[in-house]
Structure formats: structure tokens, C-alpha cells
Amino acid sequence: MGEASLESRIARLVHSHFDALPKRSKPTIHPNGSREWVPLSGIVLVIGEDTPNETLTCVAIATGAKCLPSTQINQCQGLVLHDSHAEILAIRAFNHWLLEECKSILDQRKDPRNHEVESASIGTNDTNDKDETGTNPTHEVGEFAKQASAFIYWRHQPETGKELASCNVSNISDINHIPKAKLSWPPFELHKDLKIYMYGTCAPCGDASMELCMASQEDPTPWSTPSLKGNNNSESSSGMSNSDSNQANNPHAIKNLLNGRAHFSILGAVRRKPSRADAESTLSKSCSDKLAVKQVTSLLAFPACLLIAPGSSVYLSALLLPEEEISRVACARAFGGGETGRLRAINERVWSDSDDGNTASLGGPVEYSFHPFAVRPVPSPQVRGEWAFGKLTDEDGEMKRKRKSANISAVWTAAPSSTAMNGQHRKPITTTANLNETLINGVKQGYHLSSPTPRKASALSRAKMWALLKDIVQLLPSTDDCGMNNATTPRVDKGETHMRTQKTLNDTQYNQILAKVKECVLTAQSYDMMKRRCIEAGLTMMRGRSEVASDVRGVLGNWVENRGDEDWGLEVLNEPRAMKIVCKA
């Protein structure tokens, strides 16, 4: 038997991480043997694909199939996750991991005791454990083990190639010997020979799964919904009007979000979660729609996009799904730029801040373009053998009693890819470990949305991510420190023929950007104010991403913002004072 395909190895790696999670993070197995079902999604990074040094690293996994109704969004205060579908949680977890990776690099640079870096165990399994391919289930350690990070590099580089050649800037031991650097913003970037893969056990909800939904229905009759021109928050049992029928093949004429599987005849439209007709309505867009947008904006979300450059490596290379979960027609329409693709209008389009002649931009250049990902199959027998929490079929392929969906979500991320060492004693200076959370309704298990304590908040929540960004921004060096920076030689993909030009900044420009970022992040009184300040200040990575997202959503059509959880500050993370009870004798 030949070597397993890349798709199979990625799927096996994700499943191995889920298997290692504690019991509390997994769906319930009832006394009668029936199991709850839940979708699983994972992010795997591949370095040096198709080379002898190829490495696979799982950095994030998540399960989940729930989301909050729109009526509860204004109660979240930045402490509650709105969308707990597996794909969206996995992307949020990936962004959290990226921020921790950046923080780890800065922590290593800051501590003068750092002399060497070794690759750390990233997984929940022991480093001696091997999967079926004979490799460590998390990370196959290759030639990059001694770099500050195998995945992200610090973009400030020595001014000349001769100076760069005089020191090995990939090693922490040479940090203090780096000559004056060329300065860039954003300060971090993913290595160019890195590719990102997402694996999922189910097709993304929304447009990419419409044909699958239709085929699986005992009664394929579409749900009746209100007039397509109606209000998103109104509910009615009325059917399609004549004008609605005329719009059936024109999703751009739809003014409101379609609910789940409503109107099978309307394909290519933006849909909201959940898919069940009897569930309270939400304004969370389907996973298909969110993934479609990220083909242009990249997998970077706020606040990671403030620190990491949007190069080609931060786009999803491929979405891996079980064979039986792929409808080629649906995927070509939902994600593609071909004749039937709903994003065909943006083929060949490039968004660049340098095109508008705006001299007030800070940083740059920042470019975005359409990067359609491939949809590749994983053998269904493999998935059925490795995933015990699927939805409908048993080992014989016969329909079995429908399983109840699990109400919990699991989140796991890898630890930073390297650990700083303290001199000869080789004691870790940083102590960041794997993130492993079990969530229910967007908060940690054991709490409720209404719980007054910030301890309910996931590390992936808006408030916790802002707090992490604050920590990172305070570690960013000024130009006075750039001679001691943690510069790293970027690895270039041998197949890459085009590289984005990196604009260099002088000391004044760099310090101006750094001061503006610190002002926005550290002094903003609310989450909404922080994001608006970043855009208004001309920070290209924020302003450009906002404009691109708006344009792409306009191409998709009926996109309705899910707002109401922006007017809060970091004080929400302060534990409320315990009330004293005075008892009279």
C-alpha cells in the first residue's frame, strides 16, 4: 500500500488531536449506545509541501453547530461568542494562535537571557507518541526547529544583504548583533512556503451544501418564508409572492437574509444560521458565505490583521471534506470565480492602497485579491472510521435513527511553536500552553450568557482577544530597539514567481505608526471606537481590509451586518466586587 495522500494525512492529524481531548470536550454517548453528533473542523499548516522536509502541524481544531439568536447579541459585552459553528471557531482559534505566536517572538526578543530556541511540543499528546504515519501527531520537526518561529517571521530586516549574511538571523543567539534594520508595517508575516489547509467532517452550511440538503430531505419541499423584501426580524408563514418568484434566479435582488434552507430554488444567495425552521432567527451568516469572503480578505481577522501582513500565505489553500460531503456544482457556485461562481465579478481584481494616491496612509503597501481555494476529497471510509460523531449513517451505510446534535463546542489550539530557554539551565521563560476550552452557548462550560463574571469568556471572545492584542502592542519595540530585533530570514516557496513588494519605512514613519497603533489599542474606550480609530487613522491594514470586505459583501448581495456587541471597553474583564452581606445580630 502506497503512502497516504496529503488529504488523508491532514484529516488523520486533526482526528488525532480531537481524540486526545478530555471527555468533557466531546459529545455525549448515551447509556443506550446512541451518540450525539457534531461537526469537526481543523486548521493544519504545511511547510515545504512536496519536498523532503515537508512538515504538517495542526494548530487549531474546533467542534460546534450552534449560534446565538440576534435578540441576545446586545447582551454579550464582548464576552460571548456569537457563532459556534466548527469552521468559524477554528478560524477564530487560528487567529488566537497567530497572536500567541507573535507574542512569543516578542517575549523572546525582550528577555536578554535568550540564547537558543528549541522546537516545543505543541500537542496534547506526549512527544514520543506517533500516529499511523510514524510521525509526531502534532508537528513533524524539520530544519526549522531552531528558528524563533517556524511559521511567522519578524519583517524588520538588515539594510543590506552583506550585513544580513554576516549573522544567522534565524537564531535567537544573533539578535543582539543585527545591524540597523529596514522597517516595515505590519511587523509580522507568514513564511511564503507555508500553506494553510482546513479539514471538516461536514460541508459548510449555506450555499455550498444546498444540493446536499435537498438530496437528504424526506420531503424536499422548501420552507415557506416571508416576502424576500421583508424585514429580517419578522417571521411569517406566508409563501412566495409573484415578485419573489421572479427573483428566484436572481439572488442579488434579495434584500434580506434567507433562513437556512428556505427557498431551495434560490441558489447563490447569502443565508443566515441556523438552518432549522423552528429556531429563533439570527443574523450570523452561513459558513459558506463567511468562507467565500475570506478568499479575498484572507483568514486574518481583527485583531491579527493589525500585526500580520496579508501575504499569499494567509489565504486558505484548500478545504478538505469527506467525498460524500462535496457537491462540485455547489462548491463551484459558492466559492468559485468561474462561469457559475458568485464571485466571478472580482476575478483578476486587486485592491491596493497605493492605487488611490492617498498619502495619509500609514504602513503598506497592503494588497488584497481573490484567492479561490480548492475543495479536495478525503475518502469517506477513512472519515467514518476515524469520526464517531457523524450525523446519519452507520458502518453499513444504512440510515439510522437521527442523532441529536451536541450542545457543546470544543476549542483547542497549539502552544507557540518555540520556547525560549534560560541559559545553560534550559528552563522555559514563557509558559504559554495549549488552549483547550469546552463551550456552551458561546461561553465556558459551567457559565451562562447572563453570568456576571468575566471568567465565562472564552479566550476567543472579542474582549479576551483585545486584551491579548494590548499585551502584544506593549511589547512592540520602537526604532531605538530595532537594532536588537528578532529578525528572521523569510523562507520563500520555490514555486513562487511573484512576491509582493515590501515598503520600507524610516524611523519617523515607523514610530508614527507604532504610536498610532498604541493610541488606538491602549486608550480606546470601546471596541467599536478602537476599530474606527484604526481605520480613521489611515492604518492601511485596517482601512484596506474594511473596504475590501465591504466590496466583496456587495458582490455577494444580501449581506446584513450582525451588530449590537461593540459598545463596551476592557473593563468588562474586571471581576465585579463581591457584595458584602451584613447580618444583624
Foldseek 3Di string as FASTA:
>chain_A
DDDDDPLQLLVQLQLVQVVLDDPLQAFDQDPVRFTFFKKKKWKWKWFPPPDPQIKIATFKMKIDADADALVCQLLQQLFFGGDRHGVVLNLLSVQLQLLLQLLQQLVLLPDPLFAWWFFDDFGSDDCPDADPVRARSGMRDGPLGTFSAPWKFFPWAAPDPVQPVVDALRHLNCLLVRAQTFAAPLGMETFARMAMEMEMAAAWFDQQCLVVVCVPDPDNDAQAFPELADDQQDTDRDHYDPVSVVCLAPQQVRQAAAEGNHNSSRHLAWHADDNDPPDRHHQHTTPLQVLQLCLWLFSHDPPSLRRYAPDPRRHHAEYEYAPSNGDPLRCCCSRHLDPNHLQVVQPPPKFWPVVVVDPLAAGDGHMTGGHGHYYHYDHPVSCLVSDVRHFFAHPVRDGDDTHHHGQKMKMKGTRHRIFGARPPVGDGPDDTGIDIAIDGNRFGPPDDSPDLASNRGDCSGSLNVLVSVLSSLVSDDASVCSSSRSGHDRHHNPPDDDDDDTDTDDRVSRNVSSVQLNCLSVPDFKQVSSLVSCLVSNHCSSVSSVVSSVVSVVSSHNRDDSDNNIGHGSCSNPGDDDDDDDDDD
